[in-house]
Amino acid sequence: MAHKIVITKILPGNFRSQFHVFLESDGASGELTDQVLVDPVSDLGIPASSKIVIEMVTYNFSGFDGRLEFDNGLVADNMMWVLPSNSDNHIDFNPWGGIKDFPGLDGSGAIQLTTNGFGTAGAQGSILLMVRNS
């Protein structure tokens, strides 16, 4: 059995888009490592050389922590925000211009999720992401 990961684009747009992510652990497959949540090319239809900005994140995790990252093509991705367990949070990055991607030469710029504690049966959560082209 595999983890249940459902990613839905709920507000499509050429400049700004919103995504809903539902996560449910199968209790056996372990952690998520660099799980792609939003890919700039396939999900937003922008050129690979473009960068995306995260404007807002709303999330609710039960039983695990998460870390959002941008794929920069290196061994260590650009860590950008920690999403702690058993929290229900809304984070608006707009007052600071959003969280911007700074990809490496081989980076895709994809928004990824890495978890801690997600391998436990019953761990589940949801994420809402608002992103835009930079």
Protein backbone atom coordinates (compact mmCIF):
# COMPACT_ATOMS: atom_id res chain seq x y z
CA MET A 1 0.00 0.00 0.00
CA ALA A 2 1.17 3.56 -0.59
CA HIS A 3 0.62 6.86 1.15
CA LYS A 4 -2.39 8.80 -0.07
CA ILE A 5 -1.29 12.10 -1.61
CA VAL A 6 -3.92 14.12 -3.47
CA ILE A 7 -2.91 17.44 -5.03
CA THR A 8 -5.68 19.58 -6.51
CA LYS A 9 -5.28 22.88 -8.33
CA ILE A 10 -8.24 24.81 -6.92
CA LEU A 11 -7.59 28.22 -8.48
CA PRO A 12 -5.87 28.01 -11.83
CA GLY A 13 -4.37 31.12 -13.30
CA ASN A 14 -1.60 32.43 -15.52
CA PHE A 15 -0.04 34.56 -12.79
CA ARG A 16 -1.37 33.20 -9.47
CA SER A 17 -2.62 29.72 -8.54
CA GLN A 18 -3.83 27.90 -5.44
CA PHE A 19 -3.31 24.24 -4.59
CA HIS A 20 -4.88 21.94 -2.01
CA VAL A 21 -2.77 18.99 -0.82
CA PHE A 22 -4.22 16.13 1.25
CA LEU A 23 -1.79 13.68 2.87
CA GLU A 24 -2.56 10.41 4.65
CA SER A 25 0.05 7.91 5.81
CA ASP A 26 -0.36 4.21 5.12
CA GLY A 27 1.66 3.48 8.28
CA ALA A 28 4.27 1.45 6.39
CA SER A 29 5.93 3.44 3.59
CA GLY A 30 8.00 5.78 5.78
CA GLU A 31 8.66 9.48 5.42
CA LEU A 32 8.05 11.72 2.44
CA THR A 33 11.34 13.03 1.09
CA ASP A 34 11.31 15.80 -1.51
CA GLN A 35 7.68 15.04 -2.42
CA VAL A 36 6.80 17.48 -5.21
CA LEU A 37 3.72 19.55 -4.38
CA VAL A 38 3.92 22.16 -7.16
CA ASP A 39 6.02 21.92 -10.32
CA PRO A 40 6.43 25.27 -12.12
CA VAL A 41 6.44 23.78 -15.62
CA SER A 42 3.75 21.09 -15.44
CA ASP A 43 1.45 22.68 -12.84
CA LEU A 44 1.78 26.36 -13.75
CA GLY A 45 2.79 26.22 -17.41
CA ILE A 46 5.69 28.64 -16.99
CA PRO A 47 9.16 28.28 -18.53
CA ALA A 48 11.71 26.22 -16.61
CA SER A 49 13.85 29.35 -16.23
CA SER A 50 11.05 31.17 -14.37
CA LYS A 51 10.85 31.28 -10.60
CA ILE A 52 7.81 30.94 -8.38
CA VAL A 53 6.95 32.69 -5.15
CA ILE A 54 4.94 31.28 -2.26
CA GLU A 55 2.51 33.95 -1.07
CA MET A 56 0.51 32.05 1.55
CA VAL A 57 0.41 28.68 3.28
CA THR A 58 -2.41 27.33 5.40
CA TYR A 59 -1.96 23.87 6.89
CA ASN A 60 -3.15 21.39 9.47
CA PHE A 61 -0.95 18.40 10.36
CA SER A 62 -1.77 15.63 12.80
CA GLY A 63 1.09 13.43 13.98
CA PHE A 64 3.96 14.73 11.84
CA ASP A 65 6.11 17.75 11.01
CA GLY A 66 6.82 19.05 7.54
CA ARG A 67 9.42 21.19 5.84
CA LEU A 68 8.74 23.08 2.61
CA GLU A 69 11.66 23.32 0.22
CA PHE A 70 12.45 24.54 -3.28
CA ASP A 71 14.27 22.02 -5.50
CA ASN A 72 17.52 23.72 -6.43
CA GLY A 73 19.17 20.71 -8.08
CA LEU A 74 21.73 20.28 -5.32
CA VAL A 75 22.00 17.62 -2.63
CA ALA A 76 20.56 20.05 -0.07
CA ASP A 77 17.48 21.85 -1.37
CA ASN A 78 16.59 25.42 -0.38
CA MET A 79 14.83 24.87 2.95
CA MET A 80 12.29 27.60 3.34
CA TRP A 81 9.70 26.95 6.05
CA VAL A 82 9.02 24.48 8.86
CA LEU A 83 5.43 23.34 9.40
CA PRO A 84 5.22 21.92 12.94
CA SER A 85 3.07 18.98 14.01
CA ASN A 86 -0.36 19.25 15.58
CA SER A 87 -0.75 22.84 14.45
CA ASP A 88 -3.32 24.68 12.43
CA ASN A 89 -1.63 27.69 10.90
CA HIS A 90 -2.02 30.35 8.26
CA ILE A 91 1.14 32.12 7.11
CA ASP A 92 0.95 35.17 4.85
CA PHE A 93 4.31 35.96 3.23
CA ASN A 94 2.94 38.88 1.15
CA PRO A 95 4.12 41.66 3.52
CA TRP A 96 7.68 40.52 2.70
CA GLY A 97 7.08 39.96 -1.00
CA GLY A 98 6.59 36.22 -0.61
CA ILE A 99 9.14 33.44 -0.24
CA LYS A 100 11.14 33.39 -3.47
CA ASP A 101 12.91 30.50 -5.13
CA PHE A 102 16.64 30.78 -5.86
CA PRO A 103 17.29 27.60 -7.87
CA GLY A 104 20.70 26.17 -8.63
CA LEU A 105 21.85 25.46 -12.16
CA ASP A 106 19.99 22.15 -12.33
CA GLY A 107 17.08 23.04 -10.07
CA SER A 108 13.49 22.60 -11.16
CA GLY A 109 12.16 25.21 -8.71
CA ALA A 110 9.47 22.75 -7.61
CA ILE A 111 7.95 23.18 -4.16
CA GLN A 112 8.67 20.02 -2.19
CA LEU A 113 7.67 18.57 1.17
CA THR A 114 9.87 16.50 3.47
CA THR A 115 8.29 15.04 6.59
CA ASN A 116 9.25 13.77 10.04
CA GLY A 117 6.82 11.34 11.71
CA PHE A 118 4.65 10.76 8.63
CA GLY A 119 5.43 7.03 8.60
CA THR A 120 3.15 6.53 11.61
CA ALA A 121 -0.29 5.06 10.98
CA GLY A 122 -2.97 7.72 11.32
CA ALA A 123 -0.73 10.66 10.39
CA GLN A 124 -2.59 12.98 8.05
CA GLY A 125 -2.77 16.61 7.05
CA SER A 126 -3.78 19.24 4.55
CA ILE A 127 -1.95 22.15 2.96
CA LEU A 128 -3.28 25.11 0.98
CA LEU A 129 -0.65 26.93 -1.08
CA MET A 130 -1.01 30.20 -2.97
CA VAL A 131 1.82 30.71 -5.46
CA ARG A 132 2.63 33.16 -8.24
CA ASN A 133 5.16 33.72 -10.96
CA SER A 134 7.97 36.00 -9.90
